[in-house]
Amino acid sequence: MSTATGERTYTISELADEFGLTPRTLRFYEDEGLLSPARQGQSRVYSRKDRARLKLICRGKRLGFSVQEIKEFIDLYDPERRQVEQMRYALVLGRKRITQLEQQLRDVQQTLAELKENDRQIVDHLRRQGALPDEE
């Protein structure tokens, strides 16, 4: 799809398909102020800028950021200031997320260790009771 000026545009279905999302998700992002497609009658018309924003949104979601955090990041975009504030915000968010993920990793490692120990104790008990062959 193209505008009168020849700029590439996208329908909601095209973007939804490209990014593996539902049209409902794109409408949600629009409601949250993350996307602002033009309208042609009842149809939404997404620009290359909307597509780029959607790519950022998907990356942010994949990294575990909230819709509000992603919106704040996008809203800080200022090409005149070389995205300094936007990058500072991203740095703080990223470091916070790293800390959260490192804690989750420690928690998962602890849970795995406990489960393995539990497994070992059960197997030992079953062997002592003759309810489990030695090779198990």
N, C-alpha and C. Protein backbone atom coordinates (compact mmCIF):
# COMPACT_ATOMS: atom_id res chain seq x y z
N MET A 1 0.85 -1.17 0.00
CA MET A 1 0.00 0.00 0.00
C MET A 1 0.89 1.24 0.00
N SER A 2 0.47 2.33 -0.66
CA SER A 2 1.25 3.56 -0.70
C SER A 2 0.34 4.77 -0.59
N THR A 3 0.91 5.86 -0.07
CA THR A 3 0.17 7.11 0.00
C THR A 3 0.30 7.83 -1.33
N ALA A 4 -0.36 8.98 -1.44
CA ALA A 4 -0.29 9.78 -2.66
C ALA A 4 1.15 10.24 -2.92
N THR A 5 1.94 10.40 -1.88
CA THR A 5 3.33 10.83 -2.03
C THR A 5 4.26 9.66 -2.32
N GLY A 6 3.71 8.45 -2.38
CA GLY A 6 4.51 7.28 -2.69
C GLY A 6 5.13 6.61 -1.47
N GLU A 7 4.86 7.14 -0.27
CA GLU A 7 5.39 6.52 0.94
C GLU A 7 4.68 5.21 1.20
N ARG A 8 5.44 4.20 1.56
CA ARG A 8 4.89 2.87 1.86
C ARG A 8 4.02 2.94 3.10
N THR A 9 2.84 2.38 3.03
CA THR A 9 1.95 2.29 4.18
C THR A 9 1.53 0.83 4.35
N TYR A 10 0.91 0.56 5.51
CA TYR A 10 0.55 -0.81 5.87
C TYR A 10 -0.86 -0.83 6.42
N THR A 11 -1.54 -1.93 6.17
CA THR A 11 -2.85 -2.13 6.78
C THR A 11 -2.63 -2.78 8.15
N ILE A 12 -3.66 -2.79 8.95
CA ILE A 12 -3.57 -3.43 10.26
C ILE A 12 -3.26 -4.92 10.11
N SER A 13 -3.85 -5.54 9.09
CA SER A 13 -3.62 -6.98 8.86
C SER A 13 -2.18 -7.24 8.45
N GLU A 14 -1.63 -6.38 7.59
CA GLU A 14 -0.24 -6.57 7.16
C GLU A 14 0.73 -6.50 8.35
N LEU A 15 0.56 -5.49 9.19
CA LEU A 15 1.45 -5.36 10.34
C LEU A 15 1.22 -6.47 11.36
N ALA A 16 -0.02 -6.82 11.59
CA ALA A 16 -0.32 -7.91 12.52
C ALA A 16 0.35 -9.20 12.05
N ASP A 17 0.22 -9.50 10.77
CA ASP A 17 0.83 -10.71 10.22
C ASP A 17 2.36 -10.65 10.30
N GLU A 18 2.93 -9.52 9.92
CA GLU A 18 4.39 -9.38 9.91
C GLU A 18 5.00 -9.60 11.29
N PHE A 19 4.32 -9.08 12.33
CA PHE A 19 4.88 -9.14 13.67
C PHE A 19 4.29 -10.27 14.52
N GLY A 20 3.42 -11.07 13.92
CA GLY A 20 2.84 -12.19 14.65
C GLY A 20 1.91 -11.75 15.77
N LEU A 21 1.19 -10.67 15.52
CA LEU A 21 0.26 -10.11 16.51
C LEU A 21 -1.15 -10.21 15.97
N THR A 22 -2.11 -9.90 16.82
CA THR A 22 -3.49 -9.83 16.36
C THR A 22 -3.85 -8.36 16.09
N PRO A 23 -4.80 -8.12 15.22
CA PRO A 23 -5.26 -6.74 15.03
C PRO A 23 -5.73 -6.11 16.35
N ARG A 24 -6.29 -6.93 17.21
CA ARG A 24 -6.73 -6.44 18.52
C ARG A 24 -5.56 -5.87 19.32
N THR A 25 -4.40 -6.54 19.26
CA THR A 25 -3.21 -6.06 19.95
C THR A 25 -2.78 -4.70 19.39
N LEU A 26 -2.80 -4.55 18.08
CA LEU A 26 -2.45 -3.25 17.49
C LEU A 26 -3.42 -2.16 17.93
N ARG A 27 -4.70 -2.50 18.00
CA ARG A 27 -5.68 -1.51 18.46
C ARG A 27 -5.44 -1.16 19.93
N PHE A 28 -5.03 -2.15 20.74
CA PHE A 28 -4.68 -1.89 22.14
C PHE A 28 -3.51 -0.91 22.21
N TYR A 29 -2.46 -1.14 21.41
CA TYR A 29 -1.32 -0.23 21.41
C TYR A 29 -1.75 1.18 20.97
N GLU A 30 -2.68 1.25 20.07
CA GLU A 30 -3.23 2.54 19.65
C GLU A 30 -3.95 3.21 20.82
N ASP A 31 -4.79 2.45 21.53
CA ASP A 31 -5.51 2.97 22.68
C ASP A 31 -4.56 3.46 23.77
N GLU A 32 -3.40 2.80 23.90
CA GLU A 32 -2.41 3.17 24.91
C GLU A 32 -1.52 4.33 24.47
N GLY A 33 -1.73 4.82 23.25
CA GLY A 33 -0.96 5.95 22.75
C GLY A 33 0.40 5.59 22.18
N LEU A 34 0.62 4.31 21.91
CA LEU A 34 1.89 3.87 21.35
C LEU A 34 1.93 3.98 19.83
N LEU A 35 0.79 3.84 19.21
CA LEU A 35 0.67 3.95 17.76
C LEU A 35 -0.42 4.96 17.43
N SER A 36 -0.25 5.65 16.32
CA SER A 36 -1.29 6.60 15.91
C SER A 36 -1.42 6.58 14.39
N PRO A 37 -2.07 5.53 13.88
CA PRO A 37 -2.22 5.42 12.43
C PRO A 37 -3.18 6.48 11.89
N ALA A 38 -2.98 6.81 10.63
CA ALA A 38 -3.91 7.70 9.94
C ALA A 38 -5.18 6.90 9.62
N ARG A 39 -6.18 7.59 9.21
CA ARG A 39 -7.44 6.92 8.84
C ARG A 39 -7.79 7.23 7.39
N GLN A 40 -8.27 6.21 6.72
CA GLN A 40 -8.88 6.38 5.41
C GLN A 40 -10.26 5.78 5.53
N GLY A 41 -11.23 6.64 5.79
CA GLY A 41 -12.57 6.15 6.10
C GLY A 41 -12.53 5.43 7.43
N GLN A 42 -12.94 4.17 7.44
CA GLN A 42 -12.91 3.37 8.66
C GLN A 42 -11.59 2.61 8.84
N SER A 43 -10.76 2.62 7.83
CA SER A 43 -9.53 1.83 7.85
C SER A 43 -8.36 2.57 8.50
N ARG A 44 -7.56 1.83 9.22
CA ARG A 44 -6.32 2.36 9.79
C ARG A 44 -5.23 2.23 8.73
N VAL A 45 -4.42 3.27 8.60
CA VAL A 45 -3.31 3.25 7.65
C VAL A 45 -2.04 3.54 8.44
N TYR A 46 -1.16 2.55 8.50
CA TYR A 46 0.07 2.67 9.28
C TYR A 46 1.23 3.10 8.39
N SER A 47 2.03 4.02 8.89
CA SER A 47 3.18 4.54 8.16
C SER A 47 4.43 3.73 8.50
N ARG A 48 5.54 4.06 7.83
CA ARG A 48 6.82 3.43 8.18
C ARG A 48 7.20 3.77 9.61
N LYS A 49 6.85 4.98 10.06
CA LYS A 49 7.11 5.37 11.45
C LYS A 49 6.34 4.48 12.42
N ASP A 50 5.07 4.22 12.11
CA ASP A 50 4.26 3.32 12.95
C ASP A 50 4.88 1.93 12.98
N ARG A 51 5.36 1.47 11.83
CA ARG A 51 5.98 0.15 11.76
C ARG A 51 7.24 0.11 12.62
N ALA A 52 8.05 1.17 12.55
CA ALA A 52 9.27 1.23 13.37
C ALA A 52 8.93 1.25 14.86
N ARG A 53 7.89 1.99 15.21
CA ARG A 53 7.45 2.03 16.61
C ARG A 53 6.98 0.64 17.06
N LEU A 54 6.24 -0.04 16.19
CA LEU A 54 5.75 -1.37 16.53
C LEU A 54 6.92 -2.34 16.73
N LYS A 55 7.95 -2.17 15.92
CA LYS A 55 9.14 -3.01 16.08
C LYS A 55 9.77 -2.77 17.46
N LEU A 56 9.84 -1.50 17.89
CA LEU A 56 10.35 -1.17 19.23
C LEU A 56 9.45 -1.73 20.33
N ILE A 57 8.16 -1.64 20.13
CA ILE A 57 7.20 -2.16 21.10
C ILE A 57 7.40 -3.66 21.28
N CYS A 58 7.50 -4.37 20.17
CA CYS A 58 7.67 -5.83 20.23
C CYS A 58 8.99 -6.20 20.91
N ARG A 59 10.03 -5.46 20.60
CA ARG A 59 11.32 -5.73 21.25
C ARG A 59 11.22 -5.46 22.75
N GLY A 60 10.59 -4.35 23.11
CA GLY A 60 10.43 -4.04 24.53
C GLY A 60 9.64 -5.10 25.27
N LYS A 61 8.56 -5.58 24.66
CA LYS A 61 7.76 -6.64 25.28
C LYS A 61 8.58 -7.92 25.42
N ARG A 62 9.34 -8.25 24.37
CA ARG A 62 10.17 -9.45 24.41
C ARG A 62 11.21 -9.38 25.53
N LEU A 63 11.70 -8.18 25.82
CA LEU A 63 12.69 -7.99 26.88
C LEU A 63 12.04 -7.88 28.26
N GLY A 64 10.70 -7.87 28.30
CA GLY A 64 10.00 -7.90 29.58
C GLY A 64 9.58 -6.55 30.11
N PHE A 65 9.59 -5.52 29.28
CA PHE A 65 9.19 -4.20 29.74
C PHE A 65 7.67 -4.04 29.64
N SER A 66 7.13 -3.22 30.52
CA SER A 66 5.69 -2.98 30.52
C SER A 66 5.32 -2.04 29.38
N VAL A 67 4.05 -2.01 29.05
CA VAL A 67 3.56 -1.09 28.02
C VAL A 67 3.85 0.35 28.43
N GLN A 68 3.68 0.66 29.71
CA GLN A 68 3.94 2.02 30.19
C GLN A 68 5.42 2.38 30.04
N GLU A 69 6.31 1.45 30.36
CA GLU A 69 7.75 1.72 30.21
C GLU A 69 8.11 1.93 28.75
N ILE A 70 7.53 1.12 27.88
CA ILE A 70 7.79 1.26 26.44
C ILE A 70 7.27 2.60 25.94
N LYS A 71 6.09 2.98 26.40
CA LYS A 71 5.52 4.28 26.00
C LYS A 71 6.42 5.43 26.45
N GLU A 72 6.89 5.38 27.68
CA GLU A 72 7.77 6.44 28.18
C GLU A 72 9.05 6.51 27.35
N PHE A 73 9.61 5.35 27.00
CA PHE A 73 10.81 5.31 26.17
C PHE A 73 10.54 5.96 24.81
N ILE A 74 9.47 5.55 24.16
CA ILE A 74 9.14 6.08 22.83
C ILE A 74 8.85 7.58 22.90
N ASP A 75 8.14 8.01 23.95
CA ASP A 75 7.80 9.42 24.09
C ASP A 75 9.02 10.31 24.30
N LEU A 76 10.13 9.73 24.77
CA LEU A 76 11.35 10.50 24.98
C LEU A 76 12.15 10.72 23.70
N TYR A 77 11.71 10.15 22.60
CA TYR A 77 12.44 10.31 21.34
C TYR A 77 12.52 11.78 20.97
N ASP A 78 13.74 12.25 20.77
CA ASP A 78 13.97 13.65 20.39
C ASP A 78 15.23 13.71 19.53
N PRO A 79 15.07 13.70 18.21
CA PRO A 79 16.24 13.68 17.34
C PRO A 79 17.12 14.92 17.51
N GLU A 80 16.54 16.01 17.96
CA GLU A 80 17.31 17.24 18.16
C GLU A 80 18.32 17.09 19.29
N ARG A 81 18.02 16.24 20.26
CA ARG A 81 18.91 16.06 21.42
C ARG A 81 19.67 14.74 21.32
N ARG A 82 19.70 14.15 20.11
CA ARG A 82 20.45 12.92 19.85
C ARG A 82 20.00 11.78 20.76
N GLN A 83 18.76 11.77 21.16
CA GLN A 83 18.15 10.73 21.99
C GLN A 83 18.87 10.51 23.32
N VAL A 84 19.51 11.54 23.85
CA VAL A 84 20.25 11.39 25.11
C VAL A 84 19.32 10.99 26.24
N GLU A 85 18.22 11.68 26.43
CA GLU A 85 17.29 11.33 27.52
C GLU A 85 16.69 9.96 27.30
N GLN A 86 16.37 9.66 26.07
CA GLN A 86 15.80 8.36 25.74
C GLN A 86 16.79 7.24 26.08
N MET A 87 18.05 7.44 25.75
CA MET A 87 19.06 6.43 26.03
C MET A 87 19.35 6.31 27.53
N ARG A 88 19.31 7.43 28.24
CA ARG A 88 19.48 7.37 29.70
C ARG A 88 18.36 6.55 30.32
N TYR A 89 17.15 6.80 29.87
CA TYR A 89 15.99 6.06 30.37
C TYR A 89 16.15 4.57 30.05
N ALA A 90 16.57 4.27 28.82
CA ALA A 90 16.76 2.88 28.41
C ALA A 90 17.84 2.21 29.26
N LEU A 91 18.88 2.94 29.60
CA LEU A 91 19.96 2.40 30.42
C LEU A 91 19.44 2.02 31.81
N VAL A 92 18.69 2.92 32.42
CA VAL A 92 18.13 2.65 33.75
C VAL A 92 17.17 1.46 33.69
N LEU A 93 16.28 1.47 32.70
CA LEU A 93 15.33 0.36 32.56
C LEU A 93 16.05 -0.97 32.32
N GLY A 94 17.03 -0.95 31.44
CA GLY A 94 17.75 -2.17 31.12
C GLY A 94 18.47 -2.74 32.32
N ARG A 95 19.12 -1.87 33.08
CA ARG A 95 19.84 -2.34 34.27
C ARG A 95 18.88 -2.90 35.32
N LYS A 96 17.75 -2.24 35.45
CA LYS A 96 16.74 -2.74 36.39
C LYS A 96 16.24 -4.13 35.96
N ARG A 97 16.04 -4.29 34.68
CA ARG A 97 15.56 -5.58 34.15
C ARG A 97 16.63 -6.67 34.33
N ILE A 98 17.89 -6.31 34.11
CA ILE A 98 18.98 -7.27 34.31
C ILE A 98 18.98 -7.75 35.76
N THR A 99 18.82 -6.82 36.69
CA THR A 99 18.79 -7.18 38.11
C THR A 99 17.63 -8.14 38.40
N GLN A 100 16.46 -7.83 37.84
CA GLN A 100 15.30 -8.71 38.03
C GLN A 100 15.55 -10.10 37.46
N LEU A 101 16.10 -10.16 36.27
CA LEU A 101 16.34 -11.46 35.63
C LEU A 101 17.41 -12.26 36.37
N GLU A 102 18.44 -11.58 36.86
CA GLU A 102 19.46 -12.28 37.63
C GLU A 102 18.87 -12.87 38.91
N GLN A 103 17.95 -12.15 39.55
CA GLN A 103 17.29 -12.68 40.74
C GLN A 103 16.42 -13.88 40.38
N GLN A 104 15.69 -13.77 39.28
CA GLN A 104 14.86 -14.89 38.83
C GLN A 104 15.72 -16.11 38.53
N LEU A 105 16.88 -15.89 37.91
CA LEU A 105 17.79 -16.98 37.61
C LEU A 105 18.26 -17.66 38.90
N ARG A 106 18.62 -16.86 39.90
CA ARG A 106 19.03 -17.43 41.19
C ARG A 106 17.89 -18.24 41.81
N ASP A 107 16.68 -17.69 41.72
CA ASP A 107 15.52 -18.40 42.27
C ASP A 107 15.28 -19.73 41.55
N VAL A 108 15.40 -19.73 40.23
CA VAL A 108 15.21 -20.96 39.46
C VAL A 108 16.31 -21.96 39.79
N GLN A 109 17.55 -21.49 39.91
CA GLN A 109 18.64 -22.39 40.26
C GLN A 109 18.43 -23.01 41.64
N GLN A 110 17.95 -22.23 42.58
CA GLN A 110 17.66 -22.73 43.92
C GLN A 110 16.54 -23.77 43.88
N THR A 111 15.49 -23.47 43.14
CA THR A 111 14.38 -24.40 43.01
C THR A 111 14.83 -25.71 42.36
N LEU A 112 15.65 -25.62 41.32
CA LEU A 112 16.17 -26.83 40.67
C LEU A 112 17.00 -27.66 41.64
N ALA A 113 17.85 -27.00 42.40
CA ALA A 113 18.68 -27.73 43.38
C ALA A 113 17.80 -28.45 44.39
N GLU A 114 16.75 -27.77 44.87
CA GLU A 114 15.85 -28.39 45.84
C GLU A 114 15.10 -29.56 45.23
N LEU A 115 14.64 -29.41 43.99
CA LEU A 115 13.92 -30.49 43.33
C LEU A 115 14.83 -31.69 43.09
N LYS A 116 16.07 -31.44 42.70
CA LYS A 116 17.02 -32.54 42.48
C LYS A 116 17.31 -33.27 43.79
N GLU A 117 17.46 -32.52 44.86
CA GLU A 117 17.70 -33.14 46.17
C GLU A 117 16.47 -33.95 46.59
N ASN A 118 15.30 -33.41 46.38
CA ASN A 118 14.06 -34.11 46.68
C ASN A 118 13.97 -35.41 45.87
N ASP A 119 14.31 -35.32 44.60
CA ASP A 119 14.31 -36.49 43.72
C ASP A 119 15.27 -37.56 44.25
N ARG A 120 16.47 -37.15 44.64
CA ARG A 120 17.47 -38.08 45.15
C ARG A 120 16.97 -38.77 46.41
N GLN A 121 16.35 -38.01 47.31
CA GLN A 121 15.85 -38.59 48.56
C GLN A 121 14.72 -39.59 48.29
N ILE A 122 13.85 -39.27 47.36
CA ILE A 122 12.73 -40.18 47.03
C ILE A 122 13.27 -41.47 46.42
N VAL A 123 14.21 -41.33 45.48
CA VAL A 123 14.78 -42.52 44.84
C VAL A 123 15.48 -43.39 45.88
N ASP A 124 16.26 -42.77 46.78
CA ASP A 124 16.92 -43.53 47.86
C ASP A 124 15.89 -44.26 48.71
N HIS A 125 14.83 -43.58 49.08
CA HIS A 125 13.78 -44.21 49.90
C HIS A 125 13.15 -45.39 49.17
N LEU A 126 12.79 -45.19 47.90
CA LEU A 126 12.15 -46.26 47.13
C LEU A 126 13.09 -47.45 46.97
N ARG A 127 14.36 -47.19 46.79
CA ARG A 127 15.33 -48.30 46.68
C ARG A 127 15.41 -49.08 48.00
N ARG A 128 15.45 -48.36 49.11
CA ARG A 128 15.51 -49.04 50.43
C ARG A 128 14.27 -49.88 50.66
N GLN A 129 13.16 -49.47 50.07
CA GLN A 129 11.91 -50.22 50.25
C GLN A 129 11.77 -51.32 49.22
N GLY A 130 12.74 -51.41 48.31
CA GLY A 130 12.67 -52.43 47.25
C GLY A 130 11.64 -52.13 46.20
N ALA A 131 11.21 -50.89 46.14
CA ALA A 131 10.16 -50.50 45.19
C ALA A 131 10.71 -49.87 43.93
N LEU A 132 12.05 -49.86 43.81
CA LEU A 132 12.67 -49.25 42.63
C LEU A 132 13.92 -50.04 42.31
N PRO A 133 14.07 -50.43 41.06
CA PRO A 133 15.30 -51.16 40.68
C PRO A 133 16.54 -50.27 40.89
N ASP A 134 17.68 -50.89 41.15
CA ASP A 134 18.92 -50.16 41.42
C ASP A 134 19.37 -49.26 40.27
N GLU A 135 19.04 -49.62 39.02
CA GLU A 135 19.53 -48.84 37.87
C GLU A 135 18.74 -47.56 37.65
N GLU A 136 17.64 -47.35 38.27
CA GLU A 136 16.79 -46.14 38.11
C GLU A 136 17.49 -44.91 38.61
